[in-house]
Amino acid sequence: MNGDQDGRHPDRYRVLFAISMQLENHTFTDAGEHAALLSGWEQQYFQLDCGQFHGRLQQIGSDGIHVFYESVNRRIVQQGSTPSDMLVFGIVLDASSPVTFADRAVTADSLICARANREFVLHFPGETAILGIGVKLPFLRERPELAARLESRFFTKTSVIPLEPGAREQFIALWRYVTDEAFALNAFAESELAQRTVTAQIFEMLDAVVETGIHDDKADITWMSHSDVVARAHEMIIARPLEPVTVHELCESLRISRRTVQTSFRLVTGKTPVEYMRAIRLNYVRQLLRKAPAGELTVRDAAQRWGFFHSGHFTQDYRELFDAMPSDNRPK
């Protein structure tokens, strides 16, 4: 997937909403301009192949954590250093041959892990797209458990490690969802809600990659049954309809691991936590639509009351769950 194939948003777009929120989309015809706009990085891009350069850079996030996508159509070499206060993780989406980072081949089933203030040389072999997450050290200091897991999981002697089966696809799917949601939230939600929601969603991307393949010896619940985990999650959903509950918040609130949350939902509901929580919110939207005449409450208003700001995602999820369109459930 290169930059020209993903045409969901304008080719050149930049918005800052709430002071610390970032939502950017750029296209370039010069590799140097491309390099200069990646937030916080000290680097240079050098074009090696003949022909006009086309690059794309998309950045979404906040002061503490952000996700970035970049693509190029020519072979380039990147040289510089990672930000002094940021850990960086990246996966290759498309490349004609392996990307090279720190003298290591980066294939589609591997993950780049770069510490803060690390000098690097990165070779893109033309027609390459990469997706990354940058997480700032102050953000991690507020989350010592995550910091410890990142350290033990990723930062070994090598900067390129193999991904667990399915992790890459999950990471990409989450990125596409977060991207669409960020633009929808920017258009329809209050800035503080948009900032919190997008930051939490990107954090979920990072947390999901960290958890993948890790065996948790504390997965067995001792003081709380699996059904209690689901019941407590349900209470959190109802208490905060505008802002979807994340798996990370469940873990912190219930003081249990991500794997325990996943196991509880699978055993009790047959669904993942995200699937279950989305289904509950969709049911509440359906109840609103069945009670209120169209003249009193629009489908969009009903959806947004339960945190669905992207109309395409909402309609697709609603149709899959109820085998009906939202408009089908209005009072006759």
C-alpha atoms as a PDB file:
ATOM      1  CA  MET A   1       0.000   0.000   0.000  1.00  0.00           C
ATOM      2  CA  ASN A   2       1.635   3.223  -1.033  1.00  0.00           C
ATOM      3  CA  GLY A   3       0.537   6.763  -0.246  1.00  0.00           C
ATOM      4  CA  ASP A   4      -1.410   7.266  -3.462  1.00  0.00           C
ATOM      5  CA  GLN A   5      -3.635   4.275  -2.782  1.00  0.00           C
ATOM      6  CA  ASP A   6      -4.972   5.549   0.513  1.00  0.00           C
ATOM      7  CA  GLY A   7      -7.184   8.415  -0.605  1.00  0.00           C
ATOM      8  CA  ARG A   8      -9.545   8.613   2.334  1.00  0.00           C
ATOM      9  CA  HIS A   9      -8.344  12.050   3.390  1.00  0.00           C
ATOM     10  CA  PRO A  10      -7.092  15.161   1.543  1.00  0.00           C
ATOM     11  CA  ASP A  11      -3.592  14.862   0.160  1.00  0.00           C
ATOM     12  CA  ARG A  12      -2.310  17.944   1.941  1.00  0.00           C
ATOM     13  CA  TYR A  13      -3.937  18.644   5.285  1.00  0.00           C
ATOM     14  CA  ARG A  14      -2.876  19.905   8.678  1.00  0.00           C
ATOM     15  CA  VAL A  15      -4.974  20.638  11.747  1.00  0.00           C
ATOM     16  CA  LEU A  16      -4.023  21.234  15.370  1.00  0.00           C
ATOM     17  CA  PHE A  17      -6.962  20.896  17.728  1.00  0.00           C
ATOM     18  CA  ALA A  18      -6.697  21.359  21.469  1.00  0.00           C
ATOM     19  CA  ILE A  19      -3.201  22.668  22.036  1.00  0.00           C
ATOM     20  CA  SER A  20      -1.459  19.303  22.131  1.00  0.00           C
ATOM     21  CA  MET A  21      -3.396  17.351  19.513  1.00  0.00           C
ATOM     22  CA  GLN A  22      -1.841  16.573  16.153  1.00  0.00           C
ATOM     23  CA  LEU A  23      -3.582  15.604  12.937  1.00  0.00           C
ATOM     24  CA  GLU A  24      -1.480  15.973   9.810  1.00  0.00           C
ATOM     25  CA  ASN A  25      -1.439  14.690   6.252  1.00  0.00           C
ATOM     26  CA  HIS A  26       1.194  15.864   3.745  1.00  0.00           C
ATOM     27  CA  THR A  27       2.447  14.989   0.292  1.00  0.00           C
ATOM     28  CA  PHE A  28       5.889  15.911  -1.040  1.00  0.00           C
ATOM     29  CA  THR A  29       7.883  16.120  -4.239  1.00  0.00           C
ATOM     30  CA  ASP A  30      11.191  16.634  -2.417  1.00  0.00           C
ATOM     31  CA  ALA A  31      12.773  14.101  -0.067  1.00  0.00           C
ATOM     32  CA  GLY A  32      14.364  16.801   2.080  1.00  0.00           C
ATOM     33  CA  GLU A  33      11.028  18.466   2.756  1.00  0.00           C
ATOM     34  CA  HIS A  34       9.593  15.073   3.689  1.00  0.00           C
ATOM     35  CA  ALA A  35      12.341  14.458   6.249  1.00  0.00           C
ATOM     36  CA  ALA A  36      11.955  17.874   7.872  1.00  0.00           C
ATOM     37  CA  LEU A  37       8.298  17.446   8.822  1.00  0.00           C
ATOM     38  CA  LEU A  38       8.481  14.241  10.880  1.00  0.00           C
ATOM     39  CA  SER A  39       7.914  15.588  14.393  1.00  0.00           C
ATOM     40  CA  GLY A  40      10.947  15.757  16.669  1.00  0.00           C
ATOM     41  CA  TRP A  41      13.376  13.982  14.370  1.00  0.00           C
ATOM     42  CA  GLU A  42      16.860  15.164  13.383  1.00  0.00           C
ATOM     43  CA  GLN A  43      17.396  13.508   9.998  1.00  0.00           C
ATOM     44  CA  GLN A  44      18.100  13.859   6.322  1.00  0.00           C
ATOM     45  CA  TYR A  45      16.651  11.966   3.353  1.00  0.00           C
ATOM     46  CA  PHE A  46      18.776  11.379   0.268  1.00  0.00           C
ATOM     47  CA  GLN A  47      17.128  10.300  -3.023  1.00  0.00           C
ATOM     48  CA  LEU A  48      19.116   7.599  -4.835  1.00  0.00           C
ATOM     49  CA  ASP A  49      16.850   6.575  -7.743  1.00  0.00           C
ATOM     50  CA  CYS A  50      16.286   8.745 -10.799  1.00  0.00           C
ATOM     51  CA  GLY A  51      12.854  10.269 -11.344  1.00  0.00           C
ATOM     52  CA  GLN A  52      10.440  12.591  -9.580  1.00  0.00           C
ATOM     53  CA  PHE A  53      10.063  11.941  -5.875  1.00  0.00           C
ATOM     54  CA  HIS A  54       6.626  11.429  -4.357  1.00  0.00           C
ATOM     55  CA  GLY A  55       6.290  11.004  -0.627  1.00  0.00           C
ATOM     56  CA  ARG A  56       3.515  11.038   1.909  1.00  0.00           C
ATOM     57  CA  LEU A  57       3.556  11.621   5.650  1.00  0.00           C
ATOM     58  CA  GLN A  58       0.621  11.263   8.031  1.00  0.00           C
ATOM     59  CA  GLN A  59       0.901  11.930  11.767  1.00  0.00           C
ATOM     60  CA  ILE A  60      -1.827  11.548  14.378  1.00  0.00           C
ATOM     61  CA  GLY A  61      -1.456  11.861  18.126  1.00  0.00           C
ATOM     62  CA  SER A  62      -0.674  14.071  21.088  1.00  0.00           C
ATOM     63  CA  ASP A  63       2.345  15.330  22.992  1.00  0.00           C
ATOM     64  CA  GLY A  64       2.868  11.939  24.601  1.00  0.00           C
ATOM     65  CA  ILE A  65       2.253   9.378  21.879  1.00  0.00           C
ATOM     66  CA  HIS A  66       1.652   9.461  18.144  1.00  0.00           C
ATOM     67  CA  VAL A  67       1.387   7.178  15.141  1.00  0.00           C
ATOM     68  CA  PHE A  68       2.973   8.050  11.818  1.00  0.00           C
ATOM     69  CA  TYR A  69       2.723   6.633   8.310  1.00  0.00           C
ATOM     70  CA  GLU A  70       5.154   7.483   5.545  1.00  0.00           C
ATOM     71  CA  SER A  71       5.595   6.269   2.001  1.00  0.00           C
ATOM     72  CA  VAL A  72       8.057   6.994  -0.798  1.00  0.00           C
ATOM     73  CA  ASN A  73       8.256   5.989  -4.458  1.00  0.00           C
ATOM     74  CA  ARG A  74      12.028   6.135  -4.908  1.00  0.00           C
ATOM     75  CA  ARG A  75      14.980   4.474  -3.219  1.00  0.00           C
ATOM     76  CA  ILE A  76      16.188   6.728  -0.434  1.00  0.00           C
ATOM     77  CA  VAL A  77      18.567   6.577   2.501  1.00  0.00           C
ATOM     78  CA  GLN A  78      17.589   8.189   5.794  1.00  0.00           C
ATOM     79  CA  GLN A  79      20.310   9.305   8.160  1.00  0.00           C
ATOM     80  CA  GLY A  80      19.969  10.957  11.557  1.00  0.00           C
ATOM     81  CA  SER A  81      18.849  10.207  15.084  1.00  0.00           C
ATOM     82  CA  THR A  82      15.622   9.397  16.848  1.00  0.00           C
ATOM     83  CA  PRO A  83      14.123  12.107  19.089  1.00  0.00           C
ATOM     84  CA  SER A  84      15.957  12.534  22.383  1.00  0.00           C
ATOM     85  CA  ASP A  85      12.840  11.828  24.459  1.00  0.00           C
ATOM     86  CA  MET A  86      11.071   9.170  22.402  1.00  0.00           C
ATOM     87  CA  LEU A  87      11.034   5.392  21.874  1.00  0.00           C
ATOM     88  CA  VAL A  88      10.077   4.374  18.339  1.00  0.00           C
ATOM     89  CA  PHE A  89       8.544   1.201  16.906  1.00  0.00           C
ATOM     90  CA  GLY A  90       7.934   0.537  13.217  1.00  0.00           C
ATOM     91  CA  ILE A  91       6.715  -2.091  10.785  1.00  0.00           C
ATOM     92  CA  VAL A  92       7.089  -2.230   7.023  1.00  0.00           C
ATOM     93  CA  LEU A  93       3.783  -2.155   5.137  1.00  0.00           C
ATOM     94  CA  ASP A  94       5.107  -2.537   1.603  1.00  0.00           C
ATOM     95  CA  ALA A  95       8.549  -2.752   0.087  1.00  0.00           C
ATOM     96  CA  SER A  96      10.001  -4.183  -3.120  1.00  0.00           C
ATOM     97  CA  SER A  97      12.802  -5.752  -1.050  1.00  0.00           C
ATOM     98  CA  PRO A  98      13.787  -5.695   2.645  1.00  0.00           C
ATOM     99  CA  VAL A  99      14.283  -2.339   4.340  1.00  0.00           C
ATOM    100  CA  THR A 100      17.634  -1.988   6.093  1.00  0.00           C
ATOM    101  CA  PHE A 101      17.821  -0.497   9.587  1.00  0.00           C
ATOM    102  CA  ALA A 102      20.949  -0.484  11.740  1.00  0.00           C
ATOM    103  CA  ASP A 103      22.597  -3.067   9.469  1.00  0.00           C
ATOM    104  CA  ARG A 104      19.643  -5.429   9.858  1.00  0.00           C
ATOM    105  CA  ALA A 105      17.082  -6.525   7.255  1.00  0.00           C
ATOM    106  CA  VAL A 106      13.540  -5.500   8.166  1.00  0.00           C
ATOM    107  CA  THR A 107      10.984  -7.762   6.504  1.00  0.00           C
ATOM    108  CA  ALA A 108       7.187  -7.674   6.708  1.00  0.00           C
ATOM    109  CA  ASP A 109       7.187 -10.001   9.729  1.00  0.00           C
ATOM    110  CA  SER A 110       9.591  -7.995  11.885  1.00  0.00           C
ATOM    111  CA  LEU A 111       9.495  -4.924  14.105  1.00  0.00           C
ATOM    112  CA  ILE A 112      11.925  -2.013  14.330  1.00  0.00           C
ATOM    113  CA  CYS A 113      12.692  -0.959  17.923  1.00  0.00           C
ATOM    114  CA  ALA A 114      14.715   2.229  18.382  1.00  0.00           C
ATOM    115  CA  ARG A 115      15.694   3.827  21.659  1.00  0.00           C
ATOM    116  CA  ALA A 116      15.645   7.569  22.253  1.00  0.00           C
ATOM    117  CA  ASN A 117      18.467   9.643  20.764  1.00  0.00           C
ATOM    118  CA  ARG A 118      19.764   6.754  18.691  1.00  0.00           C
ATOM    119  CA  GLU A 119      21.760   7.428  15.522  1.00  0.00           C
ATOM    120  CA  PHE A 120      20.548   5.359  12.590  1.00  0.00           C
ATOM    121  CA  VAL A 121      20.801   4.730   8.877  1.00  0.00           C
ATOM    122  CA  LEU A 122      17.638   3.476   7.187  1.00  0.00           C
ATOM    123  CA  HIS A 123      17.478   2.349   3.558  1.00  0.00           C
ATOM    124  CA  PHE A 124      14.120   2.392   1.742  1.00  0.00           C
ATOM    125  CA  PRO A 125      14.305   0.260  -1.456  1.00  0.00           C
ATOM    126  CA  GLY A 126      11.791   2.343  -3.433  1.00  0.00           C
ATOM    127  CA  GLU A 127       7.967   2.041  -3.349  1.00  0.00           C
ATOM    128  CA  THR A 128       8.091   1.609   0.394  1.00  0.00           C
ATOM    129  CA  ALA A 129       5.592   2.378   3.150  1.00  0.00           C
ATOM    130  CA  ILE A 130       6.256   2.165   6.871  1.00  0.00           C
ATOM    131  CA  LEU A 131       4.035   2.584   9.905  1.00  0.00           C
ATOM    132  CA  GLY A 132       5.385   3.592  13.297  1.00  0.00           C
ATOM    133  CA  ILE A 133       4.537   4.609  16.840  1.00  0.00           C
ATOM    134  CA  GLY A 134       6.539   7.126  18.818  1.00  0.00           C
ATOM    135  CA  VAL A 135       6.048   7.218  22.589  1.00  0.00           C
ATOM    136  CA  LYS A 136       7.703   9.892  24.693  1.00  0.00           C
ATOM    137  CA  LEU A 137       9.606   9.029  27.850  1.00  0.00           C
ATOM    138  CA  PRO A 138       7.533  11.296  30.162  1.00  0.00           C
ATOM    139  CA  PHE A 139       4.425   9.480  28.913  1.00  0.00           C
ATOM    140  CA  LEU A 140       6.045   6.162  29.839  1.00  0.00           C
ATOM    141  CA  ARG A 141       7.230   7.384  33.235  1.00  0.00           C
ATOM    142  CA  GLU A 142       3.569   7.838  34.136  1.00  0.00           C
ATOM    143  CA  ARG A 143       3.026   4.180  33.151  1.00  0.00           C
ATOM    144  CA  PRO A 144       5.888   2.240  34.793  1.00  0.00           C
ATOM    145  CA  GLU A 145       4.318  -1.167  34.178  1.00  0.00           C
ATOM    146  CA  LEU A 146       4.174  -0.551  30.420  1.00  0.00           C
ATOM    147  CA  ALA A 147       7.708   0.832  30.455  1.00  0.00           C
ATOM    148  CA  ALA A 148       8.981  -2.314  32.152  1.00  0.00           C
ATOM    149  CA  ARG A 149       7.194  -4.550  29.634  1.00  0.00           C
ATOM    150  CA  LEU A 150       8.603  -2.569  26.718  1.00  0.00           C
ATOM    151  CA  GLU A 151      12.095  -2.882  28.139  1.00  0.00           C
ATOM    152  CA  SER A 152      11.880  -6.636  28.694  1.00  0.00           C
ATOM    153  CA  ARG A 153       9.993  -7.398  25.499  1.00  0.00           C
ATOM    154  CA  PHE A 154      11.701  -5.300  22.845  1.00  0.00           C
ATOM    155  CA  PHE A 155      14.895  -3.600  23.856  1.00  0.00           C
ATOM    156  CA  THR A 156      17.374  -6.434  23.734  1.00  0.00           C
ATOM    157  CA  LYS A 157      20.711  -6.340  21.960  1.00  0.00           C
ATOM    158  CA  THR A 158      19.072  -6.149  18.551  1.00  0.00           C
ATOM    159  CA  SER A 159      16.951  -3.352  17.099  1.00  0.00           C
ATOM    160  CA  VAL A 160      14.924  -5.625  14.781  1.00  0.00           C
ATOM    161  CA  ILE A 161      12.878  -8.469  16.254  1.00  0.00           C
ATOM    162  CA  PRO A 162      10.395 -10.955  14.743  1.00  0.00           C
ATOM    163  CA  LEU A 163       6.681 -10.284  15.165  1.00  0.00           C
ATOM    164  CA  GLU A 164       4.354 -12.911  16.562  1.00  0.00           C
ATOM    165  CA  PRO A 165       1.883 -14.442  14.053  1.00  0.00           C
ATOM    166  CA  GLY A 166      -1.073 -12.128  13.498  1.00  0.00           C
ATOM    167  CA  ALA A 167       0.504  -9.134  15.267  1.00  0.00           C
ATOM    168  CA  ARG A 168       1.260  -7.242  12.063  1.00  0.00           C
ATOM    169  CA  GLU A 169      -2.300  -7.573  10.740  1.00  0.00           C
ATOM    170  CA  GLN A 170      -3.745  -6.505  14.097  1.00  0.00           C
ATOM    171  CA  PHE A 171      -1.447  -3.489  14.231  1.00  0.00           C
ATOM    172  CA  ILE A 172      -2.394  -2.359  10.715  1.00  0.00           C
ATOM    173  CA  ALA A 173      -6.120  -2.866  11.333  1.00  0.00           C
ATOM    174  CA  LEU A 174      -5.923  -0.768  14.496  1.00  0.00           C
ATOM    175  CA  TRP A 175      -4.040   1.967  12.643  1.00  0.00           C
ATOM    176  CA  ARG A 176      -6.662   2.193   9.894  1.00  0.00           C
ATOM    177  CA  TYR A 177      -9.424   2.350  12.481  1.00  0.00           C
ATOM    178  CA  VAL A 178      -7.639   5.011  14.553  1.00  0.00           C
ATOM    179  CA  THR A 179      -6.961   7.114  11.446  1.00  0.00           C
ATOM    180  CA  ASP A 180     -10.589   7.189  10.381  1.00  0.00           C
ATOM    181  CA  GLU A 181     -11.764   7.825  13.935  1.00  0.00           C
ATOM    182  CA  ALA A 182      -9.324  10.712  14.418  1.00  0.00           C
ATOM    183  CA  PHE A 183     -10.643  12.627  11.427  1.00  0.00           C
ATOM    184  CA  ALA A 184     -14.251  11.932  12.421  1.00  0.00           C
ATOM    185  CA  LEU A 185     -13.651  13.046  16.005  1.00  0.00           C
ATOM    186  CA  ASN A 186     -11.966  16.202  14.763  1.00  0.00           C
ATOM    187  CA  ALA A 187     -15.053  17.016  12.728  1.00  0.00           C
ATOM    188  CA  PHE A 188     -17.766  16.221  15.260  1.00  0.00           C
ATOM    189  CA  ALA A 189     -16.435  15.875  18.823  1.00  0.00           C
ATOM    190  CA  GLU A 190     -15.256  18.411  21.380  1.00  0.00           C
ATOM    191  CA  SER A 191     -11.493  18.900  21.238  1.00  0.00           C
ATOM    192  CA  GLU A 192     -10.759  17.471  24.701  1.00  0.00           C
ATOM    193  CA  LEU A 193     -12.803  14.343  23.987  1.00  0.00           C
ATOM    194  CA  ALA A 194     -11.079  13.951  20.606  1.00  0.00           C
ATOM    195  CA  GLN A 195      -7.647  14.271  22.189  1.00  0.00           C
ATOM    196  CA  ARG A 196      -8.336  11.759  24.968  1.00  0.00           C
ATOM    197  CA  THR A 197      -9.967   9.254  22.646  1.00  0.00           C
ATOM    198  CA  VAL A 198      -7.300   9.319  19.940  1.00  0.00           C
ATOM    199  CA  THR A 199      -4.482   9.161  22.488  1.00  0.00           C
ATOM    200  CA  ALA A 200      -6.147   6.165  24.152  1.00  0.00           C
ATOM    201  CA  GLN A 201      -6.626   4.417  20.805  1.00  0.00           C
ATOM    202  CA  ILE A 202      -2.977   4.853  19.823  1.00  0.00           C
ATOM    203  CA  PHE A 203      -1.982   3.629  23.263  1.00  0.00           C
ATOM    204  CA  GLU A 204      -4.115   0.537  22.582  1.00  0.00           C
ATOM    205  CA  MET A 205      -2.089  -0.045  19.394  1.00  0.00           C
ATOM    206  CA  LEU A 206       1.136   0.031  21.373  1.00  0.00           C
ATOM    207  CA  ASP A 207      -0.242  -2.079  24.209  1.00  0.00           C
ATOM    208  CA  ALA A 208      -1.567  -4.713  21.812  1.00  0.00           C
ATOM    209  CA  VAL A 209       1.838  -5.142  20.185  1.00  0.00           C
ATOM    210  CA  VAL A 210       3.546  -5.364  23.576  1.00  0.00           C
ATOM    211  CA  GLU A 211       1.150  -8.041  24.782  1.00  0.00           C
ATOM    212  CA  THR A 212       1.318 -10.191  21.668  1.00  0.00           C
ATOM    213  CA  GLY A 213       2.841 -13.557  22.443  1.00  0.00           C
ATOM    214  CA  ILE A 214       3.760 -12.792  26.042  1.00  0.00           C
ATOM    215  CA  HIS A 215       2.921 -15.571  28.476  1.00  0.00           C
ATOM    216  CA  ASP A 216       1.265 -14.204  31.588  1.00  0.00           C
ATOM    217  CA  ASP A 217       1.765 -16.393  34.657  1.00  0.00           C
ATOM    218  CA  LYS A 218      -0.799 -14.284  36.527  1.00  0.00           C
ATOM    219  CA  ALA A 219      -3.600 -14.832  34.045  1.00  0.00           C
ATOM    220  CA  ASP A 220      -5.656 -16.892  36.495  1.00  0.00           C
ATOM    221  CA  ILE A 221      -8.037 -14.755  38.488  1.00  0.00           C
ATOM    222  CA  THR A 222      -7.894 -15.247  42.244  1.00  0.00           C
ATOM    223  CA  TRP A 223     -10.166 -12.626  43.784  1.00  0.00           C
ATOM    224  CA  MET A 224     -12.496 -11.896  40.910  1.00  0.00           C
ATOM    225  CA  SER A 225     -14.433 -14.282  38.684  1.00  0.00           C
ATOM    226  CA  HIS A 226     -14.424 -14.013  34.915  1.00  0.00           C
ATOM    227  CA  SER A 227     -18.062 -12.940  34.932  1.00  0.00           C
ATOM    228  CA  ASP A 228     -17.264 -10.146  37.377  1.00  0.00           C
ATOM    229  CA  VAL A 229     -14.689  -8.770  34.938  1.00  0.00           C
ATOM    230  CA  VAL A 230     -17.334  -8.546  32.226  1.00  0.00           C
ATOM    231  CA  ALA A 231     -19.910  -7.072  34.626  1.00  0.00           C
ATOM    232  CA  ARG A 232     -17.516  -4.365  35.790  1.00  0.00           C
ATOM    233  CA  ALA A 233     -16.659  -3.532  32.191  1.00  0.00           C
ATOM    234  CA  HIS A 234     -20.361  -3.235  31.391  1.00  0.00           C
ATOM    235  CA  GLU A 235     -20.777  -0.747  34.237  1.00  0.00           C
ATOM    236  CA  MET A 236     -17.914   1.346  32.892  1.00  0.00           C
ATOM    237  CA  ILE A 237     -19.483   1.421  29.421  1.00  0.00           C
ATOM    238  CA  ILE A 238     -22.803   2.705  30.751  1.00  0.00           C
ATOM    239  CA  ALA A 239     -21.134   5.293  32.971  1.00  0.00           C
ATOM    240  CA  ARG A 240     -19.220   6.834  30.070  1.00  0.00           C
ATOM    241  CA  PRO A 241     -21.241   6.567  26.862  1.00  0.00           C
ATOM    242  CA  LEU A 242     -19.463   9.279  24.865  1.00  0.00           C
ATOM    243  CA  GLU A 243     -15.974   7.884  25.331  1.00  0.00           C
ATOM    244  CA  PRO A 244     -15.413   4.180  24.578  1.00  0.00           C
ATOM    245  CA  VAL A 245     -13.658   2.217  27.318  1.00  0.00           C
ATOM    246  CA  THR A 246     -10.271   0.787  26.319  1.00  0.00           C
ATOM    247  CA  VAL A 247      -8.798  -2.557  27.290  1.00  0.00           C
ATOM    248  CA  HIS A 248      -5.956  -0.737  29.018  1.00  0.00           C
ATOM    249  CA  GLU A 249      -8.429   1.168  31.203  1.00  0.00           C
ATOM    250  CA  LEU A 250     -10.106  -2.111  32.149  1.00  0.00           C
ATOM    251  CA  CYS A 251      -6.754  -3.564  33.156  1.00  0.00           C
ATOM    252  CA  GLU A 252      -5.889  -0.540  35.302  1.00  0.00           C
ATOM    253  CA  SER A 253      -9.333  -0.259  36.864  1.00  0.00           C
ATOM    254  CA  LEU A 254      -9.647  -3.958  37.675  1.00  0.00           C
ATOM    255  CA  ARG A 255      -5.929  -4.419  38.469  1.00  0.00           C
ATOM    256  CA  ILE A 256      -5.575  -7.405  36.177  1.00  0.00           C
ATOM    257  CA  SER A 257      -3.539  -8.180  33.080  1.00  0.00           C
ATOM    258  CA  ARG A 258      -4.594  -7.707  29.494  1.00  0.00           C
ATOM    259  CA  ARG A 259      -4.508 -11.460  28.959  1.00  0.00           C
ATOM    260  CA  THR A 260      -6.862 -11.998  31.907  1.00  0.00           C
ATOM    261  CA  VAL A 261      -9.314  -9.465  30.466  1.00  0.00           C
ATOM    262  CA  GLN A 262      -9.169 -11.175  27.074  1.00  0.00           C
ATOM    263  CA  THR A 263      -9.686 -14.613  28.645  1.00  0.00           C
ATOM    264  CA  SER A 264     -12.635 -13.457  30.741  1.00  0.00           C
ATOM    265  CA  PHE A 265     -14.496 -11.985  27.789  1.00  0.00           C
ATOM    266  CA  ARG A 266     -13.789 -14.990  25.597  1.00  0.00           C
ATOM    267  CA  LEU A 267     -15.071 -17.449  28.208  1.00  0.00           C
ATOM    268  CA  VAL A 268     -18.137 -15.484  29.312  1.00  0.00           C
ATOM    269  CA  THR A 269     -19.274 -13.715  26.138  1.00  0.00           C
ATOM    270  CA  GLY A 270     -17.538 -15.505  23.274  1.00  0.00           C
ATOM    271  CA  LYS A 271     -16.303 -12.106  22.106  1.00  0.00           C
ATOM    272  CA  THR A 272     -13.190 -10.015  22.473  1.00  0.00           C
ATOM    273  CA  PRO A 273     -13.467  -7.062  24.885  1.00  0.00           C
ATOM    274  CA  VAL A 274     -13.615  -4.603  21.991  1.00  0.00           C
ATOM    275  CA  GLU A 275     -16.320  -6.600  20.196  1.00  0.00           C
ATOM    276  CA  TYR A 276     -18.403  -6.886  23.353  1.00  0.00           C
ATOM    277  CA  MET A 277     -18.140  -3.223  24.321  1.00  0.00           C
ATOM    278  CA  ARG A 278     -18.935  -2.094  20.778  1.00  0.00           C
ATOM    279  CA  ALA A 279     -21.976  -4.378  20.686  1.00  0.00           C
ATOM    280  CA  ILE A 280     -23.315  -2.989  23.974  1.00  0.00           C
ATOM    281  CA  ARG A 281     -22.978   0.594  22.728  1.00  0.00           C
ATOM    282  CA  LEU A 282     -24.665  -0.331  19.437  1.00  0.00           C
ATOM    283  CA  ASN A 283     -27.569  -1.834  21.365  1.00  0.00           C
ATOM    284  CA  TYR A 284     -28.040   1.411  23.253  1.00  0.00           C
ATOM    285  CA  VAL A 285     -28.073   3.332  19.971  1.00  0.00           C
ATOM    286  CA  ARG A 286     -30.692   0.919  18.640  1.00  0.00           C
ATOM    287  CA  GLN A 287     -32.853   1.515  21.704  1.00  0.00           C
ATOM    288  CA  LEU A 288     -32.685   5.259  21.112  1.00  0.00           C
ATOM    289  CA  LEU A 289     -33.612   4.883  17.457  1.00  0.00           C
ATOM    290  CA  ARG A 290     -36.551   2.599  18.206  1.00  0.00           C
ATOM    291  CA  LYS A 291     -37.986   5.037  20.764  1.00  0.00           C
ATOM    292  CA  ALA A 292     -37.449   8.460  19.180  1.00  0.00           C
ATOM    293  CA  PRO A 293     -39.176   9.605  15.954  1.00  0.00           C
ATOM    294  CA  ALA A 294     -36.840  10.721  13.181  1.00  0.00           C
ATOM    295  CA  GLY A 295     -37.923  14.336  13.642  1.00  0.00           C
ATOM    296  CA  GLU A 296     -36.742  14.329  17.257  1.00  0.00           C
ATOM    297  CA  LEU A 297     -33.453  12.453  16.949  1.00  0.00           C
ATOM    298  CA  THR A 298     -31.296  11.855  13.876  1.00  0.00           C
ATOM    299  CA  VAL A 299     -29.296   8.671  13.369  1.00  0.00           C
ATOM    300  CA  ARG A 300     -26.068  10.677  13.643  1.00  0.00           C
ATOM    301  CA  ASP A 301     -27.128  12.237  16.956  1.00  0.00           C
ATOM    302  CA  ALA A 302     -28.084   8.846  18.372  1.00  0.00           C
ATOM    303  CA  ALA A 303     -24.770   7.340  17.273  1.00  0.00           C
ATOM    304  CA  GLN A 304     -22.711  10.179  18.709  1.00  0.00           C
ATOM    305  CA  ARG A 305     -24.450   9.899  22.094  1.00  0.00           C
ATOM    306  CA  TRP A 306     -22.735   6.504  22.384  1.00  0.00           C
ATOM    307  CA  GLY A 307     -19.358   7.518  21.010  1.00  0.00           C
ATOM    308  CA  PHE A 308     -19.759   6.634  17.317  1.00  0.00           C
ATOM    309  CA  PHE A 309     -18.406   9.629  15.406  1.00  0.00           C
ATOM    310  CA  HIS A 310     -17.351   7.903  12.177  1.00  0.00           C
ATOM    311  CA  SER A 311     -20.575   7.302  10.226  1.00  0.00           C
ATOM    312  CA  GLY A 312     -19.044   4.659   7.944  1.00  0.00           C
ATOM    313  CA  HIS A 313     -17.738   2.533  10.816  1.00  0.00           C
ATOM    314  CA  PHE A 314     -20.995   2.957  12.728  1.00  0.00           C
ATOM    315  CA  THR A 315     -23.234   1.946   9.816  1.00  0.00           C
ATOM    316  CA  GLN A 316     -21.102  -1.085   8.969  1.00  0.00           C
ATOM    317  CA  ASP A 317     -20.949  -2.269  12.593  1.00  0.00           C
ATOM    318  CA  TYR A 318     -24.681  -1.698  13.088  1.00  0.00           C
ATOM    319  CA  ARG A 319     -25.594  -3.617   9.953  1.00  0.00           C
ATOM    320  CA  GLU A 320     -23.318  -6.527  10.853  1.00  0.00           C
ATOM    321  CA  LEU A 321     -24.771  -6.818  14.362  1.00  0.00           C
ATOM    322  CA  PHE A 322     -28.476  -6.339  13.637  1.00  0.00           C
ATOM    323  CA  ASP A 323     -28.702  -7.289   9.953  1.00  0.00           C
ATOM    324  CA  ALA A 324     -30.448  -3.968   9.387  1.00  0.00           C
ATOM    325  CA  MET A 325     -29.616  -0.373   8.620  1.00  0.00           C
ATOM    326  CA  PRO A 326     -29.970   2.174  11.455  1.00  0.00           C
ATOM    327  CA  SER A 327     -32.814   3.870   9.598  1.00  0.00           C
ATOM    328  CA  ASP A 328     -34.717   0.565   9.517  1.00  0.00           C
ATOM    329  CA  ASN A 329     -35.236   0.725  13.269  1.00  0.00           C
ATOM    330  CA  ARG A 330     -37.092   4.044  13.440  1.00  0.00           C
ATOM    331  CA  PRO A 331     -40.710   4.153  14.739  1.00  0.00           C
ATOM    332  CA  LYS A 332     -43.282   3.796  11.980  1.00  0.00           C
END
